[in-house]
């Protein structure tokens, strides 16, 4: 590694750490003020404290993840480049998504209460009634399920390009740099079983079935890519079905507009995902695809917030 290459990596990491600290302080300091001055309810204060704790835990997980790349068994034989543990990366990334999700939901709850408090009582009563119909309640359950599977798909998508075999004698392969076609993977839609469940990744001569499955899920880039494809196709199918259901039913306009936004972002995300794969993961397209997963998750959270009605006792007429 040249000095310029080292500087590039160093400043990227340094900037990431500084941004993390700025985010933490910009949340914890105002939250502490509102809690200590009793400007928020006890329930909301507990939520703020929980998010603050998760931000601190996220910093610890970042250190724990980076530390894994300094171990000798984390080096790749061909190029000697340190690789962090994909399991620790999953924990670090998953916690970041949790922090973001909780922040969005708490922010939406504040905005929603403010909106309902300023609304004309007659219009508010009409809106509450429209959100209490059986169709809306069933659709809300569907959107809750969509938020969970989108969260899981986004996490798997961000991990699959970084799924490495951590064996000391094995060259790591980016999962996005193999099977660069869609919808097929090679000659079929599913790679051969010997590639998906390869005893090689268990690093033992006689692996058990459970060990074979567990190690390949976590370390086999072929299976990592297939898992992400399955999750992505399933997510898009479920979103499409929910969107078609919304088109055919009399629902509040805000719900319909929200579902249209989710569908549009899902189509864009699928196009970006296929393009990223076919063009062998160009950095700008991969970054846009990752940002798109967060945008899709946000749109579903915003839609979910539109189903919820603040408690009548908290409304100011």
Protein backbone atom coordinates (compact mmCIF):
# COMPACT_ATOMS: atom_id res chain seq x y z
CA UNK A 1 0.00 0.00 0.00
CA UNK A 2 1.36 3.40 -0.96
CA UNK A 3 1.25 6.41 1.34
CA UNK A 4 -1.48 8.05 -0.78
CA UNK A 5 -3.60 4.88 -0.64
CA UNK A 6 -3.19 4.78 3.13
CA UNK A 7 -4.20 8.45 3.41
CA UNK A 8 -7.33 7.78 1.36
CA UNK A 9 -8.44 4.95 3.66
CA UNK A 10 -7.40 6.84 6.79
CA UNK A 11 -9.40 9.98 5.97
CA UNK A 12 -12.46 7.95 4.99
CA UNK A 13 -12.36 6.16 8.34
CA UNK A 14 -11.58 9.36 10.23
CA UNK A 15 -14.51 11.19 8.60
CA UNK A 16 -16.83 8.29 9.38
CA UNK A 17 -15.85 8.35 13.05
CA UNK A 18 -16.18 12.13 13.35
CA UNK A 19 -19.61 12.03 11.71
CA UNK A 20 -20.66 9.29 14.11
CA UNK A 21 -19.63 11.41 17.08
CA UNK A 22 -21.38 14.49 15.69
CA UNK A 23 -24.58 12.47 15.21
CA UNK A 24 -24.34 11.14 18.75
CA UNK A 25 -23.78 14.53 20.35
CA UNK A 26 -26.42 16.27 18.21
CA UNK A 27 -28.97 13.76 19.52
CA UNK A 28 -27.85 13.07 23.09
CA UNK A 29 -27.33 16.70 24.20
CA UNK A 30 -30.77 18.04 23.11
CA UNK A 31 -32.47 14.84 24.29
CA UNK A 32 -30.81 15.17 27.70
CA UNK A 33 -32.00 18.78 27.93
CA UNK A 34 -35.62 17.90 27.13
CA UNK A 35 -35.58 14.98 29.56
CA UNK A 36 -34.00 16.90 32.45
CA UNK A 37 -36.31 19.89 31.96
CA UNK A 38 -39.30 17.54 31.71
CA UNK A 39 -40.33 18.88 28.33
CA UNK A 40 -41.45 15.43 27.15
CA UNK A 41 -43.64 12.68 28.57
CA UNK A 42 -42.10 9.82 30.55
CA UNK A 43 -42.78 7.37 27.76
CA UNK A 44 -41.14 9.60 25.18
CA UNK A 45 -38.22 10.23 27.53
CA UNK A 46 -37.64 6.48 27.79
CA UNK A 47 -37.65 6.29 24.00
CA UNK A 48 -35.08 9.09 23.75
CA UNK A 49 -32.89 7.42 26.36
CA UNK A 50 -33.15 4.11 24.49
CA UNK A 51 -32.06 5.67 21.19
CA UNK A 52 -29.19 7.45 22.96
CA UNK A 53 -28.07 4.14 24.45
CA UNK A 54 -28.23 2.47 21.03
CA UNK A 55 -26.07 5.24 19.54
CA UNK A 56 -23.41 4.55 22.17
CA UNK A 57 -23.70 0.81 21.57
CA UNK A 58 -23.36 1.46 17.84
CA UNK A 59 -20.02 3.15 18.46
CA UNK A 60 -18.83 0.15 20.45
CA UNK A 61 -19.92 -2.22 17.68
CA UNK A 62 -17.99 -0.13 15.16
CA UNK A 63 -14.79 -0.54 17.19
CA UNK A 64 -15.51 -4.26 17.64
CA UNK A 65 -16.04 -4.67 13.90
CA UNK A 66 -12.86 -2.84 12.90
CA UNK A 67 -10.88 -4.80 15.47
CA UNK A 68 -11.78 -8.05 13.68
CA UNK A 69 -9.88 -6.88 10.58
CA UNK A 70 -6.63 -6.73 12.51
CA UNK A 71 -6.52 -10.45 13.21
CA UNK A 72 -4.20 -12.68 11.22
CA UNK A 73 -7.02 -15.03 10.21
CA UNK A 74 -8.87 -12.05 8.71
CA UNK A 75 -6.25 -11.65 5.98
CA UNK A 76 -6.96 -12.81 2.46
CA UNK A 77 -4.22 -15.02 1.05
CA UNK A 78 -4.05 -13.55 -2.45
CA UNK A 79 -3.79 -9.85 -1.67
CA UNK A 80 -3.21 -9.71 2.08
CA UNK A 81 -6.01 -7.14 2.53
CA UNK A 82 -7.62 -7.18 5.99
CA UNK A 83 -11.30 -8.12 6.00
CA UNK A 84 -13.65 -7.42 8.86
CA UNK A 85 -15.96 -10.13 10.13
CA UNK A 86 -19.25 -10.13 8.22
CA UNK A 87 -21.02 -11.13 11.43
CA UNK A 88 -19.75 -8.04 13.24
CA UNK A 89 -20.58 -5.96 10.18
CA UNK A 90 -24.14 -7.33 10.39
CA UNK A 91 -24.39 -6.29 14.04
CA UNK A 92 -22.97 -2.82 13.33
CA UNK A 93 -25.17 -2.20 10.30
CA UNK A 94 -28.29 -3.69 11.88
CA UNK A 95 -27.94 -1.43 14.93
CA UNK A 96 -27.50 1.60 12.67
CA UNK A 97 -30.75 0.69 10.91
CA UNK A 98 -32.49 0.27 14.27
CA UNK A 99 -31.33 3.71 15.42
CA UNK A 100 -32.48 5.30 12.17
CA UNK A 101 -35.85 3.51 12.26
CA UNK A 102 -36.56 4.53 15.85
CA UNK A 103 -35.59 8.13 15.12
CA UNK A 104 -37.93 8.27 12.12
CA UNK A 105 -40.83 6.69 14.03
CA UNK A 106 -40.41 9.01 17.02
CA UNK A 107 -40.15 12.05 14.78
CA UNK A 108 -43.25 11.05 12.86
CA UNK A 109 -45.18 10.57 16.11
CA UNK A 110 -44.39 14.14 17.17
CA UNK A 111 -45.39 15.54 13.77
CA UNK A 112 -48.57 13.47 13.76
CA UNK A 113 -49.68 14.70 17.18
CA UNK A 114 -48.98 18.27 16.15
CA UNK A 115 -51.00 17.83 12.96
CA UNK A 116 -53.99 16.30 14.76
CA UNK A 117 -53.90 18.97 17.47
CA UNK A 118 -54.11 21.77 14.88
CA UNK A 119 -56.76 20.07 12.77
CA UNK A 120 -60.37 21.18 12.73
CA UNK A 121 -62.34 18.89 15.13
CA UNK A 122 -64.83 17.85 12.44
CA UNK A 123 -62.12 17.02 9.92
CA UNK A 124 -60.21 15.18 12.63
CA UNK A 125 -63.21 13.07 13.54
CA UNK A 126 -63.79 12.24 9.89
CA UNK A 127 -60.15 11.23 9.42
CA UNK A 128 -60.15 9.06 12.54
CA UNK A 129 -63.30 7.33 11.30
CA UNK A 130 -61.78 6.66 7.87
CA UNK A 131 -58.71 5.11 9.51
CA UNK A 132 -60.83 2.79 11.64
CA UNK A 133 -62.40 0.76 8.83
CA UNK A 134 -61.60 -2.98 8.52
CA UNK A 135 -59.85 -2.46 5.17
CA UNK A 136 -57.49 0.12 6.64
CA UNK A 137 -56.73 -2.04 9.70
CA UNK A 138 -55.91 -5.04 7.52
CA UNK A 139 -53.74 -2.92 5.23
CA UNK A 140 -51.91 -1.56 8.26
CA UNK A 141 -50.98 -5.10 9.27
CA UNK A 142 -49.68 -5.69 5.75
CA UNK A 143 -47.53 -2.54 5.88
CA UNK A 144 -46.08 -3.60 9.24
CA UNK A 145 -45.05 -6.89 7.66
CA UNK A 146 -43.56 -5.04 4.66
CA UNK A 147 -41.46 -2.86 6.95
CA UNK A 148 -39.93 -5.95 8.55
CA UNK A 149 -39.07 -7.72 5.30
CA UNK A 150 -37.69 -4.50 3.74
CA UNK A 151 -35.48 -4.07 6.80
CA UNK A 152 -34.19 -7.63 6.41
CA UNK A 153 -33.71 -7.32 2.64
CA UNK A 154 -31.82 -4.05 3.00
CA UNK A 155 -29.54 -5.60 5.60
CA UNK A 156 -28.85 -8.65 3.44
CA UNK A 157 -28.24 -6.45 0.42
CA UNK A 158 -25.65 -4.34 2.19
CA UNK A 159 -23.96 -7.43 3.55
CA UNK A 160 -23.91 -9.57 0.42
CA UNK A 161 -21.21 -7.52 -1.34
CA UNK A 162 -19.04 -7.93 1.75
CA UNK A 163 -19.62 -11.63 2.42
CA UNK A 164 -16.17 -13.11 2.66
CA UNK A 165 -14.83 -16.48 3.55
CA UNK A 166 -12.57 -15.69 6.48
CA UNK A 167 -10.33 -18.75 6.11
CA UNK A 168 -6.64 -17.78 6.23
CA UNK A 169 -5.82 -19.65 3.01
CA UNK A 170 -8.80 -18.58 0.95
CA UNK A 171 -9.18 -15.58 -1.32
CA UNK A 172 -12.25 -13.54 -0.41
CA UNK A 173 -14.82 -12.99 -3.11
CA UNK A 174 -17.37 -10.19 -3.26
CA UNK A 175 -20.80 -11.77 -3.58
CA UNK A 176 -21.79 -9.06 -6.06
CA UNK A 177 -18.94 -9.97 -8.40
CA UNK A 178 -20.17 -13.47 -9.24
CA UNK A 179 -23.17 -14.55 -11.31
CA UNK A 180 -23.53 -11.13 -12.93
CA UNK A 181 -26.76 -11.85 -14.73
CA UNK A 182 -30.44 -11.73 -13.88
CA UNK A 183 -32.80 -13.51 -13.39
CA UNK A 184 -30.62 -16.58 -13.92
CA UNK A 185 -27.50 -17.53 -12.02
CA UNK A 186 -25.37 -19.36 -14.56
CA UNK A 187 -27.31 -22.03 -16.41
CA UNK A 188 -30.30 -21.99 -14.09
CA UNK A 189 -32.22 -19.85 -11.64
CA UNK A 190 -30.53 -21.58 -8.69
CA UNK A 191 -26.83 -22.56 -8.64
CA UNK A 192 -25.86 -26.20 -8.06
CA UNK A 193 -26.27 -27.49 -4.52
CA UNK A 194 -22.54 -28.21 -4.26
CA UNK A 195 -21.91 -24.47 -4.68
CA UNK A 196 -24.61 -23.38 -2.26
CA UNK A 197 -23.68 -25.84 0.48
CA UNK A 198 -19.97 -26.37 0.07
CA UNK A 199 -18.16 -28.21 2.91
CA UNK A 200 -15.15 -26.03 2.13
CA UNK A 201 -16.64 -23.12 4.09
CA UNK A 202 -16.99 -25.16 7.26
CA UNK A 203 -13.22 -25.65 7.36
CA UNK A 204 -13.58 -29.22 8.57
CA UNK A 205 -13.39 -32.60 6.82
CA UNK A 206 -16.63 -33.95 8.29
CA UNK A 207 -19.15 -31.13 8.89
CA UNK A 208 -22.56 -31.75 10.38
CA UNK A 209 -25.66 -30.68 8.46
CA UNK A 210 -26.23 -27.76 10.85
CA UNK A 211 -22.62 -26.63 10.57
CA UNK A 212 -22.73 -26.92 6.78
CA UNK A 213 -25.87 -24.79 6.62
CA UNK A 214 -24.75 -22.17 9.15
CA UNK A 215 -21.29 -21.60 7.70
CA UNK A 216 -22.51 -21.38 4.12
CA UNK A 217 -25.23 -18.88 5.01
CA UNK A 218 -22.70 -16.65 6.70
CA UNK A 219 -19.62 -17.13 4.54
CA UNK A 220 -20.52 -18.52 1.11
CA UNK A 221 -20.86 -15.61 -1.37
CA UNK A 222 -22.94 -17.71 -3.78
CA UNK A 223 -25.55 -18.47 -1.14
CA UNK A 224 -25.38 -14.86 0.11
CA UNK A 225 -26.30 -13.57 -3.34
CA UNK A 226 -29.09 -16.15 -3.77
CA UNK A 227 -30.53 -15.26 -0.35
CA UNK A 228 -30.59 -11.59 -1.26
CA UNK A 229 -32.23 -12.32 -4.63
CA UNK A 230 -34.95 -14.36 -2.97
CA UNK A 231 -35.59 -11.69 -0.36
CA UNK A 232 -35.60 -8.91 -2.96
CA UNK A 233 -38.02 -10.69 -5.31
CA UNK A 234 -40.28 -11.63 -2.39
CA UNK A 235 -40.28 -8.05 -1.11
CA UNK A 236 -41.09 -6.59 -4.52
CA UNK A 237 -43.88 -9.14 -5.05
CA UNK A 238 -45.47 -8.36 -1.68
CA UNK A 239 -45.24 -4.61 -2.28
CA UNK A 240 -46.86 -5.05 -5.70
CA UNK A 241 -49.72 -7.09 -4.25
CA UNK A 242 -50.29 -4.50 -1.51
CA UNK A 243 -50.26 -1.71 -4.13
CA UNK A 244 -52.81 -3.52 -6.31
CA UNK A 245 -54.97 -4.02 -3.25
CA UNK A 246 -54.85 -0.29 -2.51
CA UNK A 247 -55.86 0.55 -6.08
CA UNK A 248 -59.06 -1.48 -5.82
CA UNK A 249 -60.30 -0.25 -2.44
CA UNK A 250 -61.75 3.05 -1.17
CA UNK A 251 -59.03 4.26 1.17
CA UNK A 252 -58.00 7.70 2.52
CA UNK A 253 -56.03 9.72 -0.09
CA UNK A 254 -52.99 10.00 2.20
CA UNK A 255 -52.77 6.20 2.40
CA UNK A 256 -53.03 5.82 -1.36
CA UNK A 257 -50.38 8.46 -2.04
CA UNK A 258 -48.07 6.81 0.47
CA UNK A 259 -48.50 3.39 -1.15
CA UNK A 260 -47.84 4.86 -4.60
CA UNK A 261 -44.55 6.28 -3.29
CA UNK A 262 -43.55 2.91 -1.85
CA UNK A 263 -44.29 1.18 -5.16
CA UNK A 264 -42.33 3.74 -7.18
CA UNK A 265 -39.29 3.43 -4.92
CA UNK A 266 -39.53 -0.36 -5.03
CA UNK A 267 -39.42 -0.31 -8.86
CA UNK A 268 -36.43 2.04 -8.78
CA UNK A 269 -34.68 -0.16 -6.24
CA UNK A 270 -35.17 -3.29 -8.35
CA UNK A 271 -33.76 -1.51 -11.41
CA UNK A 272 -30.75 -0.30 -9.43
CA UNK A 273 -30.16 -3.75 -7.97
CA UNK A 274 -30.19 -5.47 -11.35
CA UNK A 275 -28.00 -2.76 -12.85
CA UNK A 276 -25.50 -3.01 -9.99
CA UNK A 277 -25.24 -6.76 -10.52
CA UNK A 278 -25.06 -6.75 -14.34
CA UNK A 279 -22.40 -4.02 -14.46
CA UNK A 280 -20.31 -5.81 -11.78
CA UNK A 281 -20.91 -3.45 -8.87
CA UNK A 282 -19.72 0.00 -9.99
CA UNK A 283 -19.21 2.07 -6.85
CA UNK A 284 -21.62 4.88 -7.73
CA UNK A 285 -24.42 2.48 -8.65
CA UNK A 286 -23.86 0.27 -5.60
CA UNK A 287 -23.93 3.31 -3.31
CA UNK A 288 -27.13 4.54 -4.96
CA UNK A 289 -28.68 1.09 -4.55
CA UNK A 290 -27.80 1.06 -0.86
CA UNK A 291 -29.22 4.56 -0.41
CA UNK A 292 -32.34 3.41 -2.24
CA UNK A 293 -32.90 0.65 0.31
CA UNK A 294 -32.92 3.26 3.07
CA UNK A 295 -35.27 5.47 1.06
CA UNK A 296 -37.66 2.55 0.54
CA UNK A 297 -37.60 1.72 4.25
CA UNK A 298 -38.28 5.37 5.08
CA UNK A 299 -41.25 5.53 2.70
CA UNK A 300 -42.80 2.48 4.37
CA UNK A 301 -42.26 3.98 7.83
CA UNK A 302 -43.91 7.23 6.70
CA UNK A 303 -46.84 5.24 5.30
CA UNK A 304 -47.10 3.28 8.54
CA UNK A 305 -47.25 6.54 10.49
CA UNK A 306 -50.29 7.63 8.50
CA UNK A 307 -52.32 4.74 9.90
CA UNK A 308 -51.79 5.72 13.51
CA UNK A 309 -54.05 8.08 15.43
CA UNK A 310 -52.76 9.87 18.57
CA UNK A 311 -54.63 9.24 21.80
CA UNK A 312 -57.57 11.59 22.17
CA UNK A 313 -56.31 12.72 25.60
CA UNK A 314 -53.15 14.13 24.00
CA UNK A 315 -54.96 16.29 21.46
CA UNK A 316 -55.31 20.01 22.06
CA UNK A 317 -58.47 21.53 20.65
